[in-house]
């Protein structure tokens, strides 16, 4: 990635924004695999032929830990860095001071985590993506169906009841109170003032407020 041209912010601002996004997405992807990426399931932090360890800044001996433990320590360390106002000032007008070393470590750890997820948990990630695509498609189909239903004539009380029931056959209510009684049966609390309304337009206004 190259620093964009003709921008008003500094290179440090751009780097911090990119690294923070990478850090956020890495934790998001790990949360998808959390059930399978456990200390017992992944006792060592591996990615293909590589084994990763955590080394503290004070030169402590590197130890092999599980992936979940590694990510927990990594998150604690990263938050400690980001909360250091002397290096990451909270105000936009102030400049970042000596942050490239910390950003490089965050990037390195994120890439290690992403590599592990790709090598050992790609099935869980693909399943999540399929579920999201399926849910998104279902929402679009539902929205299209509601648009078609709403564009039709609903001046008749039986049409209103069919729209509410989602297309189920239903006897036409004989009065306004029957319609409001059906709405109440769908766990929709109705106040006394709403119950006293009359006319199909008032009913549809109440429904559309849901």
N, C-alpha and C. Protein backbone atom coordinates (compact mmCIF):
# COMPACT_ATOMS: atom_id res chain seq x y z
N UNK A 1 0.84 -1.19 0.00
CA UNK A 1 0.00 0.00 0.00
C UNK A 1 0.87 1.24 0.00
N UNK A 2 0.51 2.18 -0.84
CA UNK A 2 1.25 3.43 -0.93
C UNK A 2 0.43 4.56 -0.34
N UNK A 3 1.15 5.50 0.21
CA UNK A 3 0.49 6.66 0.80
C UNK A 3 -0.21 7.44 -0.30
N UNK A 4 -1.51 7.74 -0.15
CA UNK A 4 -2.23 8.46 -1.21
C UNK A 4 -1.71 9.87 -1.42
N UNK A 5 -1.83 10.34 -2.64
CA UNK A 5 -1.37 11.68 -2.98
C UNK A 5 -2.50 12.68 -2.82
N UNK A 6 -2.12 13.94 -2.71
CA UNK A 6 -3.07 15.06 -2.65
C UNK A 6 -4.08 14.89 -1.52
N UNK A 7 -3.57 14.59 -0.32
CA UNK A 7 -4.44 14.47 0.85
C UNK A 7 -3.98 15.48 1.89
N UNK A 8 -4.89 15.80 2.82
CA UNK A 8 -4.61 16.82 3.81
C UNK A 8 -4.07 16.25 5.12
N UNK A 9 -4.16 14.93 5.32
CA UNK A 9 -3.69 14.35 6.57
C UNK A 9 -2.27 13.84 6.41
N UNK A 10 -1.62 13.59 7.55
CA UNK A 10 -0.23 13.17 7.54
C UNK A 10 -0.10 11.67 7.26
N UNK A 11 1.10 11.26 6.96
CA UNK A 11 1.35 9.84 6.71
C UNK A 11 1.11 9.01 7.96
N UNK A 12 1.44 9.56 9.13
CA UNK A 12 1.20 8.84 10.37
C UNK A 12 -0.29 8.64 10.62
N UNK A 13 -1.10 9.67 10.33
CA UNK A 13 -2.55 9.52 10.47
C UNK A 13 -3.07 8.39 9.59
N UNK A 14 -2.59 8.35 8.37
CA UNK A 14 -3.02 7.32 7.42
C UNK A 14 -2.59 5.93 7.89
N UNK A 15 -1.37 5.79 8.38
CA UNK A 15 -0.89 4.50 8.85
C UNK A 15 -1.68 4.01 10.06
N UNK A 16 -1.95 4.90 11.00
CA UNK A 16 -2.71 4.52 12.20
C UNK A 16 -4.11 4.05 11.81
N UNK A 17 -4.75 4.76 10.88
CA UNK A 17 -6.09 4.39 10.45
C UNK A 17 -6.09 3.02 9.79
N UNK A 18 -5.11 2.75 8.93
CA UNK A 18 -5.04 1.46 8.24
C UNK A 18 -4.77 0.32 9.21
N UNK A 19 -3.85 0.52 10.14
CA UNK A 19 -3.50 -0.53 11.09
C UNK A 19 -4.66 -0.79 12.04
N UNK A 20 -5.34 0.26 12.46
CA UNK A 20 -6.49 0.06 13.35
C UNK A 20 -7.57 -0.74 12.65
N UNK A 21 -7.80 -0.49 11.37
CA UNK A 21 -8.80 -1.25 10.62
C UNK A 21 -8.38 -2.72 10.51
N UNK A 22 -7.10 -2.95 10.23
CA UNK A 22 -6.60 -4.32 10.17
C UNK A 22 -6.78 -5.02 11.51
N UNK A 23 -6.47 -4.33 12.60
CA UNK A 23 -6.62 -4.90 13.94
C UNK A 23 -8.08 -5.24 14.24
N UNK A 24 -8.99 -4.35 13.88
CA UNK A 24 -10.41 -4.59 14.12
C UNK A 24 -10.90 -5.79 13.31
N UNK A 25 -10.55 -5.87 12.03
CA UNK A 25 -11.01 -6.97 11.19
C UNK A 25 -10.41 -8.30 11.64
N UNK A 26 -9.17 -8.28 12.12
CA UNK A 26 -8.54 -9.51 12.61
C UNK A 26 -9.29 -10.07 13.81
N UNK A 27 -9.65 -9.21 14.75
CA UNK A 27 -10.43 -9.66 15.91
C UNK A 27 -11.82 -10.11 15.51
N UNK A 28 -12.39 -9.45 14.50
CA UNK A 28 -13.72 -9.85 14.02
C UNK A 28 -13.67 -11.26 13.43
N UNK A 29 -12.66 -11.56 12.63
CA UNK A 29 -12.55 -12.89 12.03
C UNK A 29 -12.25 -13.95 13.09
N UNK A 30 -11.43 -13.59 14.08
CA UNK A 30 -11.16 -14.56 15.14
C UNK A 30 -12.42 -14.87 15.94
N UNK A 31 -13.27 -13.88 16.15
CA UNK A 31 -14.51 -14.12 16.90
C UNK A 31 -15.40 -15.14 16.20
N UNK A 32 -15.30 -15.22 14.87
CA UNK A 32 -16.08 -16.22 14.13
C UNK A 32 -15.57 -17.62 14.43
N UNK A 33 -14.27 -17.76 14.63
CA UNK A 33 -13.66 -19.08 14.84
C UNK A 33 -13.41 -19.38 16.31
N UNK A 34 -13.95 -18.57 17.20
CA UNK A 34 -13.63 -18.71 18.62
C UNK A 34 -14.02 -20.08 19.17
N UNK A 35 -15.14 -20.65 18.69
CA UNK A 35 -15.61 -21.93 19.24
C UNK A 35 -14.66 -23.07 18.92
N UNK A 36 -14.03 -23.02 17.77
CA UNK A 36 -13.11 -24.10 17.39
C UNK A 36 -11.66 -23.78 17.73
N UNK A 37 -11.33 -22.50 17.80
CA UNK A 37 -9.95 -22.11 18.11
C UNK A 37 -9.82 -21.91 19.62
N UNK A 38 -9.78 -22.99 20.34
CA UNK A 38 -9.71 -22.99 21.81
C UNK A 38 -8.33 -23.45 22.26
N UNK A 39 -8.01 -23.27 23.55
CA UNK A 39 -6.70 -23.77 24.04
C UNK A 39 -6.51 -25.26 23.81
N UNK A 40 -7.60 -26.04 23.89
CA UNK A 40 -7.47 -27.47 23.64
C UNK A 40 -7.43 -27.79 22.15
N UNK A 41 -8.17 -27.02 21.34
CA UNK A 41 -8.18 -27.26 19.90
C UNK A 41 -6.94 -26.76 19.21
N UNK A 42 -6.39 -25.63 19.67
CA UNK A 42 -5.17 -25.05 19.09
C UNK A 42 -4.20 -24.73 20.23
N UNK A 43 -3.58 -25.77 20.81
CA UNK A 43 -2.70 -25.55 21.97
C UNK A 43 -1.43 -24.77 21.65
N UNK A 44 -1.02 -24.78 20.37
CA UNK A 44 0.14 -24.01 19.94
C UNK A 44 -0.26 -23.08 18.81
N UNK A 45 0.37 -21.93 18.78
CA UNK A 45 0.08 -20.96 17.74
C UNK A 45 0.92 -21.32 16.52
N UNK A 46 0.28 -22.03 15.59
CA UNK A 46 0.98 -22.49 14.41
C UNK A 46 0.29 -21.97 13.16
N UNK A 47 1.07 -21.89 12.09
CA UNK A 47 0.57 -21.58 10.76
C UNK A 47 1.46 -22.33 9.78
N UNK A 48 0.93 -23.43 9.28
CA UNK A 48 1.69 -24.33 8.41
C UNK A 48 2.91 -24.85 9.16
N UNK A 49 4.11 -24.55 8.69
CA UNK A 49 5.33 -25.06 9.35
C UNK A 49 5.90 -24.10 10.38
N UNK A 50 5.24 -23.00 10.63
CA UNK A 50 5.76 -21.99 11.54
C UNK A 50 5.03 -22.06 12.88
N UNK A 51 5.80 -21.88 13.95
CA UNK A 51 5.25 -21.80 15.31
C UNK A 51 5.59 -20.44 15.88
N UNK A 52 4.58 -19.73 16.35
CA UNK A 52 4.77 -18.37 16.84
C UNK A 52 4.73 -18.34 18.36
N UNK A 53 5.50 -17.46 18.93
CA UNK A 53 5.55 -17.27 20.38
C UNK A 53 5.37 -15.79 20.67
N UNK A 54 5.10 -15.50 21.94
CA UNK A 54 4.96 -14.10 22.35
C UNK A 54 6.18 -13.67 23.13
N UNK A 55 6.74 -12.52 22.77
CA UNK A 55 7.90 -11.97 23.46
C UNK A 55 7.53 -10.58 23.99
N UNK A 56 7.70 -10.41 25.27
CA UNK A 56 7.41 -9.11 25.88
C UNK A 56 8.51 -8.10 25.54
N UNK A 57 8.18 -6.82 25.73
CA UNK A 57 9.15 -5.77 25.42
C UNK A 57 10.37 -5.80 26.32
N UNK A 58 10.21 -6.34 27.54
CA UNK A 58 11.31 -6.28 28.49
C UNK A 58 12.30 -7.44 28.31
N UNK A 59 12.18 -8.18 27.20
CA UNK A 59 13.13 -9.25 26.91
C UNK A 59 12.86 -10.53 27.64
N UNK A 60 11.63 -10.75 28.10
CA UNK A 60 11.30 -12.00 28.77
C UNK A 60 11.46 -13.17 27.79
N UNK A 61 11.72 -14.35 28.35
CA UNK A 61 11.88 -15.53 27.52
C UNK A 61 10.59 -15.83 26.79
N UNK A 62 10.70 -16.08 25.49
CA UNK A 62 9.53 -16.38 24.68
C UNK A 62 8.98 -17.75 25.07
N UNK A 63 7.65 -17.82 25.17
CA UNK A 63 7.00 -19.07 25.55
C UNK A 63 5.95 -19.42 24.52
N UNK A 64 5.74 -20.72 24.34
CA UNK A 64 4.71 -21.19 23.44
C UNK A 64 3.37 -21.20 24.17
N UNK A 65 2.40 -20.57 23.57
CA UNK A 65 1.08 -20.50 24.17
C UNK A 65 0.04 -20.80 23.08
N UNK A 66 -1.20 -21.02 23.53
CA UNK A 66 -2.27 -21.30 22.57
C UNK A 66 -2.63 -20.03 21.80
N UNK A 67 -3.37 -20.23 20.72
CA UNK A 67 -3.76 -19.09 19.89
C UNK A 67 -4.64 -18.12 20.67
N UNK A 68 -5.61 -18.65 21.40
CA UNK A 68 -6.51 -17.78 22.15
C UNK A 68 -5.76 -16.99 23.21
N UNK A 69 -4.77 -17.62 23.88
CA UNK A 69 -3.97 -16.90 24.86
C UNK A 69 -3.11 -15.83 24.19
N UNK A 70 -2.56 -16.17 23.03
CA UNK A 70 -1.75 -15.22 22.27
C UNK A 70 -2.57 -13.98 21.92
N UNK A 71 -3.79 -14.20 21.43
CA UNK A 71 -4.64 -13.08 21.02
C UNK A 71 -5.05 -12.25 22.23
N UNK A 72 -5.29 -12.90 23.35
CA UNK A 72 -5.65 -12.16 24.57
C UNK A 72 -4.50 -11.26 25.01
N UNK A 73 -3.29 -11.79 25.02
CA UNK A 73 -2.11 -10.99 25.39
C UNK A 73 -1.88 -9.88 24.36
N UNK A 74 -2.05 -10.24 23.10
CA UNK A 74 -1.86 -9.26 22.03
C UNK A 74 -2.84 -8.10 22.14
N UNK A 75 -4.10 -8.40 22.43
CA UNK A 75 -5.10 -7.35 22.58
C UNK A 75 -4.78 -6.45 23.78
N UNK A 76 -4.35 -7.06 24.87
CA UNK A 76 -3.99 -6.27 26.06
C UNK A 76 -2.83 -5.34 25.74
N UNK A 77 -1.82 -5.85 25.06
CA UNK A 77 -0.65 -5.05 24.70
C UNK A 77 -1.03 -3.94 23.74
N UNK A 78 -1.87 -4.25 22.74
CA UNK A 78 -2.26 -3.26 21.74
C UNK A 78 -3.06 -2.12 22.38
N UNK A 79 -4.00 -2.48 23.24
CA UNK A 79 -4.80 -1.44 23.90
C UNK A 79 -3.92 -0.56 24.78
N UNK A 80 -2.92 -1.17 25.40
CA UNK A 80 -2.01 -0.38 26.24
C UNK A 80 -1.24 0.62 25.37
N UNK A 81 -0.87 0.21 24.18
CA UNK A 81 -0.16 1.12 23.28
C UNK A 81 -1.07 2.25 22.80
N UNK A 82 -2.30 1.90 22.42
CA UNK A 82 -3.22 2.91 21.89
C UNK A 82 -3.67 3.90 22.95
N UNK A 83 -3.67 3.47 24.22
CA UNK A 83 -4.08 4.37 25.30
C UNK A 83 -2.94 5.22 25.81
N UNK A 84 -1.75 5.05 25.26
CA UNK A 84 -0.60 5.86 25.66
C UNK A 84 -0.70 7.21 24.94
N UNK A 85 -1.21 8.21 25.64
CA UNK A 85 -1.44 9.51 25.02
C UNK A 85 -0.15 10.22 24.61
N UNK A 86 0.97 9.80 25.17
CA UNK A 86 2.23 10.43 24.78
C UNK A 86 2.66 10.01 23.37
N UNK A 87 2.16 8.87 22.91
CA UNK A 87 2.51 8.39 21.56
C UNK A 87 1.32 8.46 20.61
N UNK A 88 0.11 8.17 21.13
CA UNK A 88 -1.10 8.24 20.35
C UNK A 88 -2.01 9.30 20.96
N UNK A 89 -1.78 10.58 20.66
CA UNK A 89 -2.56 11.65 21.27
C UNK A 89 -4.03 11.54 20.88
N UNK A 90 -4.92 11.85 21.81
CA UNK A 90 -6.35 11.71 21.53
C UNK A 90 -6.93 12.83 20.68
N UNK A 91 -6.18 13.92 20.49
CA UNK A 91 -6.71 15.07 19.76
C UNK A 91 -6.13 15.10 18.34
N UNK A 92 -6.97 15.32 17.33
CA UNK A 92 -6.50 15.29 15.94
C UNK A 92 -5.41 16.31 15.64
N UNK A 93 -5.42 17.42 16.34
CA UNK A 93 -4.44 18.47 16.04
C UNK A 93 -3.02 18.07 16.46
N UNK A 94 -2.90 17.13 17.39
CA UNK A 94 -1.58 16.73 17.87
C UNK A 94 -1.00 15.64 16.96
N UNK A 95 0.31 15.61 16.89
CA UNK A 95 0.99 14.67 16.02
C UNK A 95 1.32 13.38 16.77
N UNK A 96 1.33 12.27 16.03
CA UNK A 96 1.76 11.00 16.59
C UNK A 96 3.28 11.01 16.75
N UNK A 97 3.74 10.42 17.85
CA UNK A 97 5.16 10.45 18.17
C UNK A 97 5.70 9.02 18.22
N UNK A 98 6.62 8.70 17.32
CA UNK A 98 7.33 7.42 17.34
C UNK A 98 6.35 6.23 17.44
N UNK A 99 5.44 6.15 16.47
CA UNK A 99 4.42 5.09 16.52
C UNK A 99 4.70 3.98 15.50
N UNK A 100 5.65 4.16 14.64
CA UNK A 100 5.85 3.18 13.56
C UNK A 100 6.30 1.83 14.10
N UNK A 101 7.07 1.83 15.17
CA UNK A 101 7.49 0.56 15.75
C UNK A 101 6.30 -0.22 16.30
N UNK A 102 5.41 0.46 17.03
CA UNK A 102 4.22 -0.20 17.57
C UNK A 102 3.30 -0.66 16.45
N UNK A 103 3.14 0.16 15.42
CA UNK A 103 2.28 -0.23 14.30
C UNK A 103 2.83 -1.45 13.57
N UNK A 104 4.15 -1.53 13.46
CA UNK A 104 4.76 -2.68 12.79
C UNK A 104 4.49 -3.97 13.58
N UNK A 105 4.56 -3.90 14.91
CA UNK A 105 4.29 -5.08 15.74
C UNK A 105 2.83 -5.50 15.62
N UNK A 106 1.92 -4.52 15.62
CA UNK A 106 0.50 -4.84 15.49
C UNK A 106 0.23 -5.51 14.15
N UNK A 107 0.81 -4.97 13.08
CA UNK A 107 0.65 -5.58 11.76
C UNK A 107 1.19 -7.00 11.73
N UNK A 108 2.37 -7.20 12.31
CA UNK A 108 2.98 -8.53 12.31
C UNK A 108 2.10 -9.54 13.03
N UNK A 109 1.58 -9.16 14.19
CA UNK A 109 0.73 -10.08 14.95
C UNK A 109 -0.58 -10.36 14.22
N UNK A 110 -1.16 -9.35 13.61
CA UNK A 110 -2.41 -9.54 12.88
C UNK A 110 -2.21 -10.50 11.70
N UNK A 111 -1.11 -10.35 10.99
CA UNK A 111 -0.84 -11.23 9.86
C UNK A 111 -0.63 -12.66 10.34
N UNK A 112 0.02 -12.84 11.48
CA UNK A 112 0.19 -14.19 12.04
C UNK A 112 -1.17 -14.82 12.36
N UNK A 113 -2.04 -14.03 12.99
CA UNK A 113 -3.37 -14.55 13.36
C UNK A 113 -4.17 -14.89 12.11
N UNK A 114 -4.16 -14.01 11.13
CA UNK A 114 -4.89 -14.26 9.89
C UNK A 114 -4.36 -15.50 9.17
N UNK A 115 -3.04 -15.69 9.21
CA UNK A 115 -2.45 -16.87 8.58
C UNK A 115 -2.91 -18.14 9.27
N UNK A 116 -2.95 -18.12 10.60
CA UNK A 116 -3.44 -19.29 11.34
C UNK A 116 -4.90 -19.58 11.01
N UNK A 117 -5.73 -18.55 10.97
CA UNK A 117 -7.14 -18.75 10.65
C UNK A 117 -7.32 -19.32 9.25
N UNK A 118 -6.50 -18.85 8.32
CA UNK A 118 -6.60 -19.35 6.95
C UNK A 118 -6.18 -20.82 6.86
N UNK A 119 -5.14 -21.18 7.61
CA UNK A 119 -4.61 -22.55 7.52
C UNK A 119 -5.51 -23.57 8.22
N UNK A 120 -6.16 -23.19 9.33
CA UNK A 120 -6.83 -24.18 10.16
C UNK A 120 -8.33 -23.92 10.38
N UNK A 121 -8.81 -22.75 10.01
CA UNK A 121 -10.22 -22.43 10.29
C UNK A 121 -10.93 -21.83 9.08
N UNK A 122 -10.43 -22.15 7.89
CA UNK A 122 -11.03 -21.58 6.70
C UNK A 122 -12.45 -22.08 6.50
N UNK A 123 -12.74 -23.32 6.93
CA UNK A 123 -14.10 -23.86 6.78
C UNK A 123 -15.11 -23.04 7.59
N UNK A 124 -14.73 -22.67 8.81
CA UNK A 124 -15.63 -21.87 9.64
C UNK A 124 -15.85 -20.50 9.03
N UNK A 125 -14.82 -19.91 8.47
CA UNK A 125 -14.96 -18.59 7.84
C UNK A 125 -15.85 -18.67 6.61
N UNK A 126 -15.65 -19.71 5.78
CA UNK A 126 -16.48 -19.86 4.59
C UNK A 126 -17.93 -20.12 4.95
N UNK A 127 -18.17 -20.92 6.01
CA UNK A 127 -19.54 -21.18 6.44
C UNK A 127 -20.22 -19.91 6.89
N UNK A 128 -19.48 -19.06 7.61
CA UNK A 128 -20.04 -17.78 8.07
C UNK A 128 -20.38 -16.89 6.88
N UNK A 129 -19.51 -16.86 5.89
CA UNK A 129 -19.76 -16.04 4.71
C UNK A 129 -21.00 -16.54 3.97
N UNK A 130 -21.13 -17.86 3.84
CA UNK A 130 -22.32 -18.42 3.17
C UNK A 130 -23.59 -18.05 3.94
N UNK A 131 -23.53 -18.14 5.27
CA UNK A 131 -24.71 -17.79 6.07
C UNK A 131 -25.07 -16.31 5.90
N UNK A 132 -24.05 -15.46 5.87
CA UNK A 132 -24.32 -14.04 5.70
C UNK A 132 -24.92 -13.74 4.33
N UNK A 133 -24.40 -14.41 3.29
CA UNK A 133 -24.94 -14.20 1.95
C UNK A 133 -26.37 -14.72 1.86
N UNK A 134 -26.63 -15.87 2.50
CA UNK A 134 -27.98 -16.42 2.49
C UNK A 134 -28.95 -15.50 3.23
N UNK A 135 -28.51 -14.98 4.37
CA UNK A 135 -29.37 -14.09 5.13
C UNK A 135 -29.62 -12.79 4.37
N UNK A 136 -28.58 -12.27 3.71
CA UNK A 136 -28.74 -11.05 2.93
C UNK A 136 -29.71 -11.26 1.77
N UNK A 137 -29.59 -12.41 1.10
CA UNK A 137 -30.51 -12.72 0.01
C UNK A 137 -31.93 -12.85 0.50
N UNK A 138 -32.11 -13.48 1.67
CA UNK A 138 -33.45 -13.63 2.24
C UNK A 138 -34.05 -12.28 2.58
N UNK A 139 -33.23 -11.37 3.12
CA UNK A 139 -33.74 -10.04 3.46
C UNK A 139 -34.17 -9.28 2.21
N UNK A 140 -33.38 -9.42 1.12
CA UNK A 140 -33.74 -8.74 -0.12
C UNK A 140 -35.04 -9.29 -0.69
N UNK A 141 -35.21 -10.62 -0.62
CA UNK A 141 -36.44 -11.22 -1.12
C UNK A 141 -37.64 -10.78 -0.29
N UNK A 142 -37.45 -10.71 1.04
CA UNK A 142 -38.54 -10.28 1.90
C UNK A 142 -38.91 -8.83 1.62
N UNK A 143 -37.91 -7.98 1.42
CA UNK A 143 -38.17 -6.58 1.13
C UNK A 143 -38.91 -6.44 -0.20
N UNK A 144 -38.51 -7.25 -1.19
CA UNK A 144 -39.19 -7.20 -2.49
C UNK A 144 -40.64 -7.65 -2.37
N UNK A 145 -40.88 -8.70 -1.57
CA UNK A 145 -42.24 -9.19 -1.38
C UNK A 145 -43.11 -8.15 -0.69
N UNK A 146 -42.55 -7.47 0.33
CA UNK A 146 -43.30 -6.44 1.02
C UNK A 146 -43.61 -5.26 0.11
N UNK A 147 -42.65 -4.94 -0.77
CA UNK A 147 -42.88 -3.84 -1.70
C UNK A 147 -44.02 -4.17 -2.66
N UNK A 148 -44.03 -5.41 -3.17
CA UNK A 148 -45.10 -5.83 -4.07
C UNK A 148 -46.42 -5.85 -3.35
N UNK A 149 -46.44 -6.37 -2.10
CA UNK A 149 -47.69 -6.43 -1.34
C UNK A 149 -48.21 -5.04 -1.01
N UNK A 150 -47.27 -4.14 -0.65
CA UNK A 150 -47.70 -2.79 -0.29
C UNK A 150 -48.20 -2.01 -1.48
N UNK A 151 -47.72 -2.35 -2.69
CA UNK A 151 -48.15 -1.62 -3.88
C UNK A 151 -49.53 -2.03 -4.34
N UNK A 152 -50.04 -3.16 -3.85
CA UNK A 152 -51.37 -3.62 -4.22
C UNK A 152 -52.44 -2.88 -3.45
N UNK A 153 -53.68 -3.18 -3.79
CA UNK A 153 -54.81 -2.52 -3.13
C UNK A 153 -55.03 -3.13 -1.77
N UNK A 154 -55.13 -2.29 -0.75
CA UNK A 154 -55.38 -2.74 0.61
C UNK A 154 -56.53 -1.95 1.22
N UNK A 155 -57.44 -1.52 0.37
CA UNK A 155 -58.55 -0.74 0.89
C UNK A 155 -59.58 -1.62 1.58
N UNK A 156 -59.61 -2.91 1.23
CA UNK A 156 -60.56 -3.83 1.82
C UNK A 156 -59.98 -4.44 3.09
N UNK A 157 -60.77 -4.57 4.19
CA UNK A 157 -60.23 -5.15 5.43
C UNK A 157 -59.64 -6.54 5.23
N UNK A 158 -60.20 -7.36 4.32
CA UNK A 158 -59.64 -8.70 4.11
C UNK A 158 -58.26 -8.62 3.49
N UNK A 159 -58.02 -7.59 2.61
CA UNK A 159 -56.69 -7.39 2.05
C UNK A 159 -55.70 -7.02 3.13
N UNK A 160 -56.14 -6.18 4.07
CA UNK A 160 -55.27 -5.79 5.18
C UNK A 160 -54.88 -7.00 6.01
N UNK A 161 -55.86 -7.84 6.32
CA UNK A 161 -55.58 -9.02 7.13
C UNK A 161 -54.65 -9.98 6.41
N UNK A 162 -54.82 -10.12 5.09
CA UNK A 162 -53.93 -10.99 4.33
C UNK A 162 -52.51 -10.48 4.32
N UNK A 163 -52.37 -9.13 4.24
CA UNK A 163 -51.03 -8.53 4.28
C UNK A 163 -50.36 -8.77 5.61
N UNK A 164 -51.15 -8.64 6.72
CA UNK A 164 -50.58 -8.84 8.05
C UNK A 164 -50.18 -10.29 8.24
N UNK A 165 -51.03 -11.21 7.82
CA UNK A 165 -50.77 -12.63 8.02
C UNK A 165 -49.69 -13.17 7.09
N UNK A 166 -49.21 -12.37 6.15
CA UNK A 166 -48.19 -12.83 5.24
C UNK A 166 -48.75 -13.72 4.15
N UNK A 167 -49.98 -13.44 3.72
CA UNK A 167 -50.54 -14.20 2.61
C UNK A 167 -51.43 -15.34 3.03
N UNK A 168 -51.59 -15.58 4.33
CA UNK A 168 -52.44 -16.66 4.78
C UNK A 168 -53.91 -16.31 4.55
N UNK A 169 -54.72 -17.31 4.21
CA UNK A 169 -56.15 -17.08 4.04
C UNK A 169 -56.77 -16.78 5.38
N UNK A 170 -57.63 -15.79 5.43
CA UNK A 170 -58.27 -15.40 6.67
C UNK A 170 -59.63 -14.82 6.39
N UNK A 171 -60.62 -15.10 7.22
CA UNK A 171 -61.94 -14.50 7.03
C UNK A 171 -61.88 -13.01 7.25
N UNK A 172 -62.67 -12.29 6.47
CA UNK A 172 -62.67 -10.84 6.58
C UNK A 172 -63.27 -10.43 7.91
N UNK A 173 -62.64 -9.56 8.69
CA UNK A 173 -63.20 -9.10 9.96
C UNK A 173 -64.45 -8.28 9.70
N UNK A 174 -65.36 -8.32 10.63
CA UNK A 174 -66.64 -7.63 10.47
C UNK A 174 -66.62 -6.23 10.99
N UNK A 175 -65.62 -5.88 11.77
CA UNK A 175 -65.61 -4.54 12.34
C UNK A 175 -64.18 -4.10 12.61
N UNK A 176 -64.08 -2.79 12.91
CA UNK A 176 -62.77 -2.23 13.26
C UNK A 176 -62.18 -2.91 14.48
N UNK A 177 -62.99 -3.25 15.47
CA UNK A 177 -62.49 -3.87 16.70
C UNK A 177 -61.92 -5.24 16.42
N UNK A 178 -62.45 -5.96 15.41
CA UNK A 178 -61.90 -7.27 15.05
C UNK A 178 -60.48 -7.12 14.52
N UNK A 179 -60.26 -6.09 13.70
CA UNK A 179 -58.92 -5.86 13.15
C UNK A 179 -57.93 -5.54 14.26
N UNK A 180 -58.31 -4.63 15.17
CA UNK A 180 -57.42 -4.27 16.26
C UNK A 180 -57.21 -5.43 17.21
N UNK A 181 -58.21 -6.28 17.37
CA UNK A 181 -58.03 -7.46 18.21
C UNK A 181 -57.01 -8.41 17.62
N UNK A 182 -57.00 -8.53 16.28
CA UNK A 182 -56.01 -9.39 15.64
C UNK A 182 -54.60 -8.84 15.83
N UNK A 183 -54.48 -7.52 15.71
CA UNK A 183 -53.16 -6.90 15.90
C UNK A 183 -52.67 -7.13 17.32
N UNK A 184 -53.57 -7.01 18.31
CA UNK A 184 -53.18 -7.26 19.70
C UNK A 184 -52.72 -8.69 19.90
N UNK A 185 -53.31 -9.64 19.15
CA UNK A 185 -52.93 -11.04 19.30
C UNK A 185 -51.53 -11.30 18.79
N UNK A 186 -50.96 -10.37 18.00
CA UNK A 186 -49.60 -10.50 17.49
C UNK A 186 -48.61 -9.78 18.39
N UNK A 187 -48.92 -9.71 19.69
CA UNK A 187 -48.04 -9.07 20.67
C UNK A 187 -47.79 -7.61 20.34
N UNK A 188 -48.83 -6.92 19.85
CA UNK A 188 -48.70 -5.50 19.58
C UNK A 188 -49.59 -4.74 20.54
N UNK A 189 -49.07 -4.16 21.63
CA UNK A 189 -49.90 -3.45 22.59
C UNK A 189 -50.59 -2.27 21.95
N UNK A 190 -51.85 -2.09 22.26
CA UNK A 190 -52.63 -1.00 21.70
C UNK A 190 -53.17 -0.17 22.84
N UNK A 191 -53.03 1.13 22.74
CA UNK A 191 -53.57 2.02 23.77
C UNK A 191 -55.04 2.26 23.49
N UNK A 192 -55.72 2.84 24.47
CA UNK A 192 -57.14 3.10 24.31
C UNK A 192 -57.41 4.06 23.17
N UNK A 193 -56.53 5.06 23.00
CA UNK A 193 -56.74 6.03 21.94
C UNK A 193 -56.58 5.39 20.58
N UNK A 194 -55.63 4.43 20.46
CA UNK A 194 -55.42 3.76 19.18
C UNK A 194 -56.57 2.82 18.89
N UNK A 195 -57.14 2.19 19.93
CA UNK A 195 -58.20 1.24 19.73
C UNK A 195 -59.48 1.92 19.27
N UNK A 196 -59.61 3.20 19.56
CA UNK A 196 -60.83 3.90 19.23
C UNK A 196 -60.81 4.47 17.83
N UNK A 197 -59.70 4.28 17.08
CA UNK A 197 -59.62 4.81 15.72
C UNK A 197 -60.56 4.06 14.82
N UNK A 198 -60.95 4.70 13.69
CA UNK A 198 -61.89 4.07 12.76
C UNK A 198 -61.38 4.29 11.34
N UNK A 199 -61.63 3.28 10.48
CA UNK A 199 -61.25 3.41 9.09
C UNK A 199 -59.99 2.65 8.77
N UNK A 200 -59.89 2.15 7.53
CA UNK A 200 -58.73 1.34 7.14
C UNK A 200 -57.47 2.16 7.08
N UNK A 201 -57.55 3.46 6.79
CA UNK A 201 -56.35 4.29 6.74
C UNK A 201 -55.72 4.40 8.11
N UNK A 202 -56.54 4.52 9.18
CA UNK A 202 -56.00 4.57 10.53
C UNK A 202 -55.34 3.26 10.89
N UNK A 203 -55.92 2.15 10.48
CA UNK A 203 -55.34 0.84 10.77
C UNK A 203 -53.98 0.70 10.13
N UNK A 204 -53.88 1.07 8.84
CA UNK A 204 -52.60 0.94 8.14
C UNK A 204 -51.56 1.88 8.73
N UNK A 205 -51.97 3.07 9.18
CA UNK A 205 -51.02 3.98 9.83
C UNK A 205 -50.47 3.36 11.09
N UNK A 206 -51.33 2.67 11.86
CA UNK A 206 -50.87 2.00 13.08
C UNK A 206 -49.90 0.88 12.76
N UNK A 207 -50.21 0.11 11.71
CA UNK A 207 -49.34 -1.02 11.34
C UNK A 207 -47.98 -0.51 10.88
N UNK A 208 -47.97 0.53 10.03
CA UNK A 208 -46.73 1.03 9.49
C UNK A 208 -45.83 1.67 10.53
N UNK A 209 -46.38 2.03 11.69
CA UNK A 209 -45.55 2.56 12.77
C UNK A 209 -44.74 1.47 13.44
N UNK A 210 -45.04 0.18 13.21
CA UNK A 210 -44.36 -0.91 13.89
C UNK A 210 -42.92 -0.97 13.45
